[in-house]
C-alpha atoms as a PDB file:
ATOM      1  CA  MET A   1     -21.941  38.220  18.599  1.00  0.00           C
ATOM      2  CA  PRO A   2     -23.027  36.807  15.708  1.00  0.00           C
ATOM      3  CA  ARG A   3     -20.294  34.252  14.313  1.00  0.00           C
ATOM      4  CA  LEU A   4     -18.989  34.572  10.786  1.00  0.00           C
ATOM      5  CA  ASN A   5     -18.015  31.299   8.588  1.00  0.00           C
ATOM      6  CA  TYR A   6     -15.855  30.800   5.562  1.00  0.00           C
ATOM      7  CA  PRO A   7     -16.749  33.570   2.358  1.00  0.00           C
ATOM      8  CA  THR A   8     -17.839  31.757  -0.327  1.00  0.00           C
ATOM      9  CA  PRO A   9     -17.199  33.347  -3.549  1.00  0.00           C
ATOM     10  CA  ILE A  10     -19.457  33.204  -6.526  1.00  0.00           C
ATOM     11  CA  LEU A  11     -17.758  33.044  -9.513  1.00  0.00           C
ATOM     12  CA  CYS A  12     -19.298  33.965 -13.499  1.00  0.00           C
ATOM     13  CA  VAL A  13     -18.966  30.877 -15.841  1.00  0.00           C
ATOM     14  CA  LYS A  14     -20.166  30.643 -19.334  1.00  0.00           C
ATOM     15  CA  ASP A  15     -20.814  26.706 -18.987  1.00  0.00           C
ATOM     16  CA  ILE A  16     -22.031  25.132 -15.867  1.00  0.00           C
ATOM     17  CA  PRO A  17     -20.651  21.031 -16.748  1.00  0.00           C
ATOM     18  CA  ARG A  18     -18.072  22.487 -18.552  1.00  0.00           C
ATOM     19  CA  SER A  19     -16.346  24.434 -15.546  1.00  0.00           C
ATOM     20  CA  ILE A  20     -17.062  22.289 -12.942  1.00  0.00           C
ATOM     21  CA  ASP A  21     -14.941  19.085 -14.887  1.00  0.00           C
ATOM     22  CA  TYR A  22     -12.411  21.473 -15.210  1.00  0.00           C
ATOM     23  CA  TYR A  23     -12.127  22.321 -11.097  1.00  0.00           C
ATOM     24  CA  VAL A  24     -12.968  17.962 -10.191  1.00  0.00           C
ATOM     25  CA  ASN A  25     -10.506  16.360 -12.363  1.00  0.00           C
ATOM     26  CA  GLN A  26      -7.593  19.477 -12.516  1.00  0.00           C
ATOM     27  CA  LEU A  27      -7.936  21.830  -9.157  1.00  0.00           C
ATOM     28  CA  GLY A  28      -8.808  18.158  -7.479  1.00  0.00           C
ATOM     29  CA  PHE A  29     -12.584  20.043  -6.119  1.00  0.00           C
ATOM     30  CA  GLU A  30     -15.702  17.522  -5.414  1.00  0.00           C
ATOM     31  CA  LYS A  31     -19.131  18.388  -7.216  1.00  0.00           C
ATOM     32  CA  ASN A  32     -21.123  19.484  -3.896  1.00  0.00           C
ATOM     33  CA  TRP A  33     -24.410  20.042  -6.083  1.00  0.00           C
ATOM     34  CA  ASP A  34     -25.641  21.691  -9.350  1.00  0.00           C
ATOM     35  CA  TRP A  35     -29.360  23.873  -9.557  1.00  0.00           C
ATOM     36  CA  ILE A  36     -31.296  23.659 -12.910  1.00  0.00           C
ATOM     37  CA  GLU A  37     -33.548  26.487 -13.263  1.00  0.00           C
ATOM     38  CA  PRO A  38     -36.794  26.263 -14.779  1.00  0.00           C
ATOM     39  CA  GLY A  39     -37.887  26.420 -17.554  1.00  0.00           C
ATOM     40  CA  SER A  40     -33.689  24.848 -18.654  1.00  0.00           C
ATOM     41  CA  ASP A  41     -32.093  21.804 -19.150  1.00  0.00           C
ATOM     42  CA  GLU A  42     -28.666  23.439 -17.908  1.00  0.00           C
ATOM     43  CA  PRO A  43     -27.625  24.339 -14.477  1.00  0.00           C
ATOM     44  CA  GLY A  44     -27.365  28.054 -14.159  1.00  0.00           C
ATOM     45  CA  PHE A  45     -25.851  28.298 -10.174  1.00  0.00           C
ATOM     46  CA  ALA A  46     -23.364  24.946  -8.838  1.00  0.00           C
ATOM     47  CA  SER A  47     -20.711  24.445  -6.244  1.00  0.00           C
ATOM     48  CA  VAL A  48     -18.036  23.096  -5.809  1.00  0.00           C
ATOM     49  CA  GLY A  49     -15.251  22.308  -2.794  1.00  0.00           C
ATOM     50  CA  ARG A  50     -12.116  21.311  -1.614  1.00  0.00           C
ATOM     51  CA  ASP A  51     -11.113  20.752   2.033  1.00  0.00           C
ATOM     52  CA  GLU A  52     -12.192  24.110   3.726  1.00  0.00           C
ATOM     53  CA  VAL A  53     -12.943  26.027   0.499  1.00  0.00           C
ATOM     54  CA  GLY A  54     -16.103  26.313  -1.114  1.00  0.00           C
ATOM     55  CA  LEU A  55     -17.115  27.858  -4.302  1.00  0.00           C
ATOM     56  CA  PHE A  56     -20.223  29.161  -6.075  1.00  0.00           C
ATOM     57  CA  LEU A  57     -20.328  28.773  -9.897  1.00  0.00           C
ATOM     58  CA  CYS A  58     -23.132  30.547 -11.636  1.00  0.00           C
ATOM     59  CA  ARG A  59     -23.494  31.142 -15.323  1.00  0.00           C
ATOM     60  CA  GLN A  60     -23.073  34.605 -16.622  1.00  0.00           C
ATOM     61  CA  GLY A  61     -25.800  35.985 -14.043  1.00  0.00           C
ATOM     62  CA  GLN A  62     -23.458  37.232 -10.822  1.00  0.00           C
ATOM     63  CA  GLY A  63     -19.607  37.872 -10.609  1.00  0.00           C
ATOM     64  CA  HIS A  64     -17.312  38.833 -13.038  1.00  0.00           C
ATOM     65  CA  PRO A  65     -14.592  37.544 -15.455  1.00  0.00           C
ATOM     66  CA  GLY A  66     -11.570  37.587 -14.154  1.00  0.00           C
ATOM     67  CA  THR A  67     -11.895  37.876 -10.685  1.00  0.00           C
ATOM     68  CA  TRP A  68      -8.953  36.704  -8.075  1.00  0.00           C
ATOM     69  CA  LEU A  69      -9.003  34.659  -5.131  1.00  0.00           C
ATOM     70  CA  TYR A  70      -6.391  33.868  -2.474  1.00  0.00           C
ATOM     71  CA  ILE A  71      -6.410  30.351  -0.979  1.00  0.00           C
ATOM     72  CA  THR A  72      -3.989  29.825   0.891  1.00  0.00           C
ATOM     73  CA  VAL A  73      -2.647  26.212   1.319  1.00  0.00           C
ATOM     74  CA  ASP A  74      -0.422  23.635   3.433  1.00  0.00           C
ATOM     75  CA  ASN A  75       2.213  22.933   0.962  1.00  0.00           C
ATOM     76  CA  CYS A  76       2.487  24.768  -2.394  1.00  0.00           C
ATOM     77  CA  ASP A  77       5.208  22.988  -4.281  1.00  0.00           C
ATOM     78  CA  GLU A  78       2.913  19.534  -3.653  1.00  0.00           C
ATOM     79  CA  LEU A  79      -0.223  20.746  -4.811  1.00  0.00           C
ATOM     80  CA  HIS A  80       1.771  22.479  -7.662  1.00  0.00           C
ATOM     81  CA  GLU A  81       2.888  18.988  -8.715  1.00  0.00           C
ATOM     82  CA  GLN A  82      -0.629  17.871  -8.433  1.00  0.00           C
ATOM     83  CA  PHE A  83      -1.826  20.230 -10.977  1.00  0.00           C
ATOM     84  CA  LYS A  84       1.023  19.423 -13.323  1.00  0.00           C
ATOM     85  CA  GLN A  85       0.105  16.376 -13.117  1.00  0.00           C
ATOM     86  CA  SER A  86      -3.337  16.928 -13.959  1.00  0.00           C
ATOM     87  CA  GLY A  87      -3.151  19.700 -16.211  1.00  0.00           C
ATOM     88  CA  ALA A  88      -4.337  22.549 -14.175  1.00  0.00           C
ATOM     89  CA  MET A  89      -3.577  25.923 -15.982  1.00  0.00           C
ATOM     90  CA  ILE A  90      -0.682  27.415 -14.428  1.00  0.00           C
ATOM     91  CA  LYS A  91      -0.036  30.764 -14.581  1.00  0.00           C
ATOM     92  CA  THR A  92       3.346  31.118 -12.352  1.00  0.00           C
ATOM     93  CA  PRO A  93       4.846  27.978 -10.511  1.00  0.00           C
ATOM     94  CA  PRO A  94       5.762  28.422  -7.184  1.00  0.00           C
ATOM     95  CA  THR A  95       6.932  31.333  -6.238  1.00  0.00           C
ATOM     96  CA  ASN A  96       8.761  33.182  -3.533  1.00  0.00           C
ATOM     97  CA  TYR A  97       7.846  36.985  -2.837  1.00  0.00           C
ATOM     98  CA  PRO A  98       8.493  39.466  -0.580  1.00  0.00           C
ATOM     99  CA  TRP A  99       5.750  40.197   1.556  1.00  0.00           C
ATOM    100  CA  GLY A 100       6.642  36.167   2.862  1.00  0.00           C
ATOM    101  CA  MET A 101       4.417  33.946   1.324  1.00  0.00           C
ATOM    102  CA  ARG A 102       5.468  30.709  -1.735  1.00  0.00           C
ATOM    103  CA  GLU A 103       2.722  31.147  -3.866  1.00  0.00           C
ATOM    104  CA  MET A 104       1.526  30.336  -7.129  1.00  0.00           C
ATOM    105  CA  HIS A 105      -1.284  31.388  -9.563  1.00  0.00           C
ATOM    106  CA  VAL A 106      -3.683  29.058 -11.498  1.00  0.00           C
ATOM    107  CA  THR A 107      -6.106  30.142 -13.952  1.00  0.00           C
ATOM    108  CA  ASP A 108     -10.035  28.404 -14.800  1.00  0.00           C
ATOM    109  CA  LEU A 109     -11.716  28.230 -18.219  1.00  0.00           C
ATOM    110  CA  GLU A 110     -12.936  31.483 -17.310  1.00  0.00           C
ATOM    111  CA  GLU A 111      -9.625  33.014 -17.123  1.00  0.00           C
ATOM    112  CA  HIS A 112      -9.676  33.739 -13.262  1.00  0.00           C
ATOM    113  CA  VAL A 113      -6.828  33.875 -11.155  1.00  0.00           C
ATOM    114  CA  ILE A 114      -6.744  31.852  -8.161  1.00  0.00           C
ATOM    115  CA  ARG A 115      -3.660  31.975  -5.869  1.00  0.00           C
ATOM    116  CA  PHE A 116      -2.857  29.585  -3.643  1.00  0.00           C
ATOM    117  CA  GLY A 117      -0.136  30.657  -0.662  1.00  0.00           C
ATOM    118  CA  GLN A 118       1.885  29.855   1.825  1.00  0.00           C
ATOM    119  CA  ASP A 119       3.834  31.183   4.777  1.00  0.00           C
ATOM    120  CA  ILE A 120       7.454  30.863   3.417  1.00  0.00           C
ATOM    121  CA  ASP A 121       8.519  29.774   6.795  1.00  0.00           C
ATOM    122  CA  ALA A 122       6.101  26.492   6.521  1.00  0.00           C
ATOM    123  CA  ALA A 123       7.166  26.004   3.250  1.00  0.00           C
ATOM    124  CA  PRO A 124       9.520  22.940   2.686  1.00  0.00           C
ATOM    125  CA  GLN A 125      13.461  24.141   2.471  1.00  0.00           C
ATOM    126  CA  PRO A 126      15.279  22.504  -0.514  1.00  0.00           C
ATOM    127  CA  VAL A 127      17.265  20.255   0.411  1.00  0.00           C
ATOM    128  CA  ARG A 128      21.274  20.888   0.210  1.00  0.00           C
ATOM    129  CA  ARG A 129      23.997  18.415  -1.168  1.00  0.00           C
ATOM    130  CA  ALA A 130      27.577  18.311  -0.041  1.00  0.00           C
ATOM    131  CA  ASN A 131      30.022  18.301  -2.268  1.00  0.00           C
ATOM    132  CA  ALA A 132      30.919  14.338  -3.598  1.00  0.00           C
END
């Protein structure tokens, strides 16, 4: 049977260079490539990636504004600190949810929402201090 690989969501954006800049400088992705449409001076399609996650960015041609994505992470709190330092648009800080996940929500320039989550059992446990 043919093997399936990871999906690559396509996010609709208004400005590819601006979106690449946000994903690289605020969310820690790398620019993989961009494609300039014939007869245009600006890219109409691009790819960014981080670790095993890849995203396509399409200038107003594919996808819908306000798309939600879910990306699993091995340390939600550490990623949250990184995002706070970089100036990412954090919608919801790390929170434990009844379905057993610790998640935070981040938005991009087009108000796409990315939910980063980890299994609560794998989340770092709070430090308990003895009474002094």
